[in-house]
Amino acid sequence: MAREYWLELVQFPEDSARSLWLNVDGEWRCFHSPNAQIQSAVQHAFSYPKQFDVLVWYQDLKIVGLVVHSRG
């Protein structure tokens, strides 16, 4: 389960992909090139932490799966 998120609004370095970073299991893990729907869902979930969880599957530091889960 992700505890924090960080969304790059401008990619850095410029020739790299924009990334969504999630703090999972005490480490920052990266999801490259998130689309607008993923960004919105993650931001919404963290805006309402009593209603939603962000569940993440990863390999090393790369996120390979992500689900926004309703607690209801």
N, C-alpha and C. Protein backbone atom coordinates (compact mmCIF):
# COMPACT_ATOMS: atom_id res chain seq x y z
N MET A 1 0.85 -1.17 0.00
CA MET A 1 0.00 0.00 0.00
C MET A 1 0.90 1.24 0.00
N ALA A 2 0.58 2.18 -0.87
CA ALA A 2 1.36 3.41 -0.96
C ALA A 2 1.02 4.35 0.19
N ARG A 3 2.03 5.00 0.74
CA ARG A 3 1.86 5.91 1.87
C ARG A 3 1.93 7.38 1.46
N GLU A 4 2.66 7.67 0.39
CA GLU A 4 2.82 9.04 -0.10
C GLU A 4 2.95 8.99 -1.62
N TYR A 5 2.72 10.14 -2.28
CA TYR A 5 2.98 10.20 -3.71
C TYR A 5 3.65 11.50 -4.09
N TRP A 6 4.30 11.46 -5.22
CA TRP A 6 4.98 12.63 -5.77
C TRP A 6 4.81 12.54 -7.28
N LEU A 7 4.16 13.53 -7.88
CA LEU A 7 3.91 13.55 -9.31
C LEU A 7 4.80 14.60 -9.96
N GLU A 8 5.64 14.19 -10.88
CA GLU A 8 6.48 15.14 -11.63
C GLU A 8 5.58 15.89 -12.61
N LEU A 9 5.52 17.20 -12.50
CA LEU A 9 4.72 17.99 -13.42
C LEU A 9 5.48 18.30 -14.70
N VAL A 10 6.79 18.36 -14.59
CA VAL A 10 7.68 18.54 -15.74
C VAL A 10 8.76 17.48 -15.62
N GLN A 11 8.96 16.72 -16.68
CA GLN A 11 9.96 15.66 -16.61
C GLN A 11 11.37 16.24 -16.47
N PHE A 12 12.19 15.54 -15.71
CA PHE A 12 13.58 15.94 -15.54
C PHE A 12 14.43 14.69 -15.47
N PRO A 13 15.45 14.57 -16.25
CA PRO A 13 15.87 15.51 -17.29
C PRO A 13 14.83 15.57 -18.42
N GLU A 14 14.94 16.60 -19.24
CA GLU A 14 13.93 16.90 -20.24
C GLU A 14 13.64 15.74 -21.19
N ASP A 15 14.62 14.94 -21.51
CA ASP A 15 14.43 13.85 -22.47
C ASP A 15 13.90 12.56 -21.81
N SER A 16 13.58 12.59 -20.53
CA SER A 16 13.05 11.43 -19.85
C SER A 16 11.52 11.48 -19.82
N ALA A 17 10.90 10.39 -19.41
CA ALA A 17 9.45 10.34 -19.27
C ALA A 17 9.03 10.96 -17.95
N ARG A 18 7.87 11.62 -17.93
CA ARG A 18 7.31 12.07 -16.66
C ARG A 18 7.02 10.86 -15.79
N SER A 19 7.09 11.04 -14.49
CA SER A 19 6.92 9.90 -13.60
C SER A 19 6.02 10.23 -12.42
N LEU A 20 5.35 9.21 -11.94
CA LEU A 20 4.59 9.24 -10.71
C LEU A 20 5.37 8.38 -9.72
N TRP A 21 5.72 8.95 -8.59
CA TRP A 21 6.49 8.23 -7.57
C TRP A 21 5.57 7.93 -6.39
N LEU A 22 5.64 6.71 -5.90
CA LEU A 22 4.85 6.31 -4.74
C LEU A 22 5.77 5.70 -3.69
N ASN A 23 5.56 6.08 -2.45
CA ASN A 23 6.34 5.53 -1.35
C ASN A 23 5.65 4.26 -0.88
N VAL A 24 6.30 3.12 -1.16
CA VAL A 24 5.76 1.80 -0.85
C VAL A 24 6.83 1.00 -0.11
N ASP A 25 6.45 0.41 0.99
CA ASP A 25 7.39 -0.38 1.80
C ASP A 25 8.65 0.41 2.15
N GLY A 26 8.48 1.70 2.42
CA GLY A 26 9.58 2.54 2.87
C GLY A 26 10.53 3.02 1.78
N GLU A 27 10.19 2.79 0.50
CA GLU A 27 11.05 3.24 -0.60
C GLU A 27 10.21 3.91 -1.68
N TRP A 28 10.80 4.90 -2.37
CA TRP A 28 10.12 5.56 -3.48
C TRP A 28 10.26 4.68 -4.71
N ARG A 29 9.10 4.38 -5.32
CA ARG A 29 9.05 3.53 -6.51
C ARG A 29 8.39 4.31 -7.64
N CYS A 30 8.79 4.02 -8.87
CA CYS A 30 8.46 4.87 -10.00
C CYS A 30 7.49 4.22 -10.98
N PHE A 31 6.52 4.99 -11.44
CA PHE A 31 5.62 4.60 -12.52
C PHE A 31 5.85 5.62 -13.64
N HIS A 32 6.45 5.17 -14.74
CA HIS A 32 6.79 6.09 -15.83
C HIS A 32 5.58 6.37 -16.72
N SER A 33 5.48 7.61 -17.18
CA SER A 33 4.47 8.06 -18.14
C SER A 33 3.03 7.74 -17.72
N PRO A 34 2.62 8.15 -16.52
CA PRO A 34 1.23 7.89 -16.12
C PRO A 34 0.28 8.74 -16.97
N ASN A 35 -0.84 8.16 -17.36
CA ASN A 35 -1.81 8.94 -18.13
C ASN A 35 -2.64 9.81 -17.17
N ALA A 36 -3.47 10.67 -17.73
CA ALA A 36 -4.25 11.62 -16.92
C ALA A 36 -5.21 10.89 -15.99
N GLN A 37 -5.77 9.77 -16.41
CA GLN A 37 -6.72 9.01 -15.59
C GLN A 37 -6.02 8.43 -14.35
N ILE A 38 -4.83 7.90 -14.52
CA ILE A 38 -4.07 7.36 -13.39
C ILE A 38 -3.68 8.47 -12.43
N GLN A 39 -3.19 9.58 -12.96
CA GLN A 39 -2.81 10.71 -12.11
C GLN A 39 -4.00 11.18 -11.27
N SER A 40 -5.14 11.34 -11.93
CA SER A 40 -6.34 11.82 -11.25
C SER A 40 -6.80 10.85 -10.17
N ALA A 41 -6.80 9.56 -10.48
CA ALA A 41 -7.25 8.56 -9.51
C ALA A 41 -6.35 8.53 -8.28
N VAL A 42 -5.05 8.61 -8.48
CA VAL A 42 -4.11 8.60 -7.35
C VAL A 42 -4.26 9.87 -6.52
N GLN A 43 -4.34 11.02 -7.17
CA GLN A 43 -4.53 12.28 -6.43
C GLN A 43 -5.82 12.26 -5.64
N HIS A 44 -6.89 11.76 -6.24
CA HIS A 44 -8.19 11.67 -5.56
C HIS A 44 -8.10 10.75 -4.34
N ALA A 45 -7.45 9.61 -4.51
CA ALA A 45 -7.31 8.66 -3.41
C ALA A 45 -6.56 9.27 -2.23
N PHE A 46 -5.49 10.01 -2.51
CA PHE A 46 -4.73 10.63 -1.42
C PHE A 46 -5.45 11.84 -0.83
N SER A 47 -6.39 12.40 -1.56
CA SER A 47 -7.21 13.50 -1.02
C SER A 47 -8.24 12.97 -0.03
N TYR A 48 -8.62 11.71 -0.18
CA TYR A 48 -9.63 11.08 0.68
C TYR A 48 -9.08 9.77 1.26
N PRO A 49 -8.06 9.86 2.11
CA PRO A 49 -7.38 8.65 2.59
C PRO A 49 -8.23 7.73 3.46
N LYS A 50 -9.33 8.23 4.02
CA LYS A 50 -10.20 7.36 4.81
C LYS A 50 -11.12 6.54 3.92
N GLN A 51 -11.22 6.92 2.65
CA GLN A 51 -12.12 6.22 1.72
C GLN A 51 -11.40 5.32 0.72
N PHE A 52 -10.11 5.62 0.44
CA PHE A 52 -9.39 4.91 -0.61
C PHE A 52 -7.99 4.49 -0.17
N ASP A 53 -7.50 3.39 -0.76
CA ASP A 53 -6.11 2.96 -0.65
C ASP A 53 -5.53 2.90 -2.05
N VAL A 54 -4.24 3.14 -2.17
CA VAL A 54 -3.53 2.95 -3.43
C VAL A 54 -2.64 1.72 -3.24
N LEU A 55 -2.98 0.65 -3.94
CA LEU A 55 -2.25 -0.61 -3.83
C LEU A 55 -1.30 -0.72 -5.02
N VAL A 56 -0.07 -1.15 -4.75
CA VAL A 56 0.98 -1.12 -5.77
C VAL A 56 1.71 -2.47 -5.80
N TRP A 57 1.99 -2.94 -7.01
CA TRP A 57 2.88 -4.08 -7.23
C TRP A 57 4.13 -3.53 -7.89
N TYR A 58 5.27 -4.03 -7.50
CA TYR A 58 6.52 -3.48 -8.03
C TYR A 58 7.57 -4.57 -8.19
N GLN A 59 8.54 -4.24 -9.03
CA GLN A 59 9.73 -5.08 -9.20
C GLN A 59 10.91 -4.13 -9.07
N ASP A 60 11.72 -4.34 -8.07
CA ASP A 60 12.80 -3.42 -7.70
C ASP A 60 12.18 -2.05 -7.43
N LEU A 61 12.58 -1.00 -8.15
CA LEU A 61 12.03 0.33 -7.91
C LEU A 61 10.97 0.72 -8.94
N LYS A 62 10.61 -0.21 -9.82
CA LYS A 62 9.65 0.08 -10.89
C LYS A 62 8.27 -0.46 -10.52
N ILE A 63 7.25 0.38 -10.64
CA ILE A 63 5.88 -0.03 -10.39
C ILE A 63 5.37 -0.78 -11.62
N VAL A 64 4.86 -1.98 -11.41
CA VAL A 64 4.35 -2.79 -12.52
C VAL A 64 2.83 -2.97 -12.45
N GLY A 65 2.21 -2.53 -11.37
CA GLY A 65 0.76 -2.59 -11.23
C GLY A 65 0.28 -1.61 -10.18
N LEU A 66 -0.92 -1.07 -10.38
CA LEU A 66 -1.44 -0.06 -9.46
C LEU A 66 -2.97 -0.14 -9.47
N VAL A 67 -3.58 -0.13 -8.29
CA VAL A 67 -5.03 -0.15 -8.15
C VAL A 67 -5.42 0.88 -7.09
N VAL A 68 -6.45 1.66 -7.37
CA VAL A 68 -7.05 2.52 -6.36
C VAL A 68 -8.25 1.73 -5.83
N HIS A 69 -8.21 1.45 -4.54
CA HIS A 69 -9.19 0.56 -3.90
C HIS A 69 -10.07 1.34 -2.95
N SER A 70 -11.37 1.20 -3.09
CA SER A 70 -12.33 1.83 -2.18
C SER A 70 -12.44 1.02 -0.90
N ARG A 71 -12.43 1.69 0.22
CA ARG A 71 -12.57 1.00 1.51
C ARG A 71 -14.01 0.71 1.83
N GLY A 72 -14.94 1.27 1.05
CA GLY A 72 -16.38 1.13 1.32
C GLY A 72 -16.86 -0.20 1.01
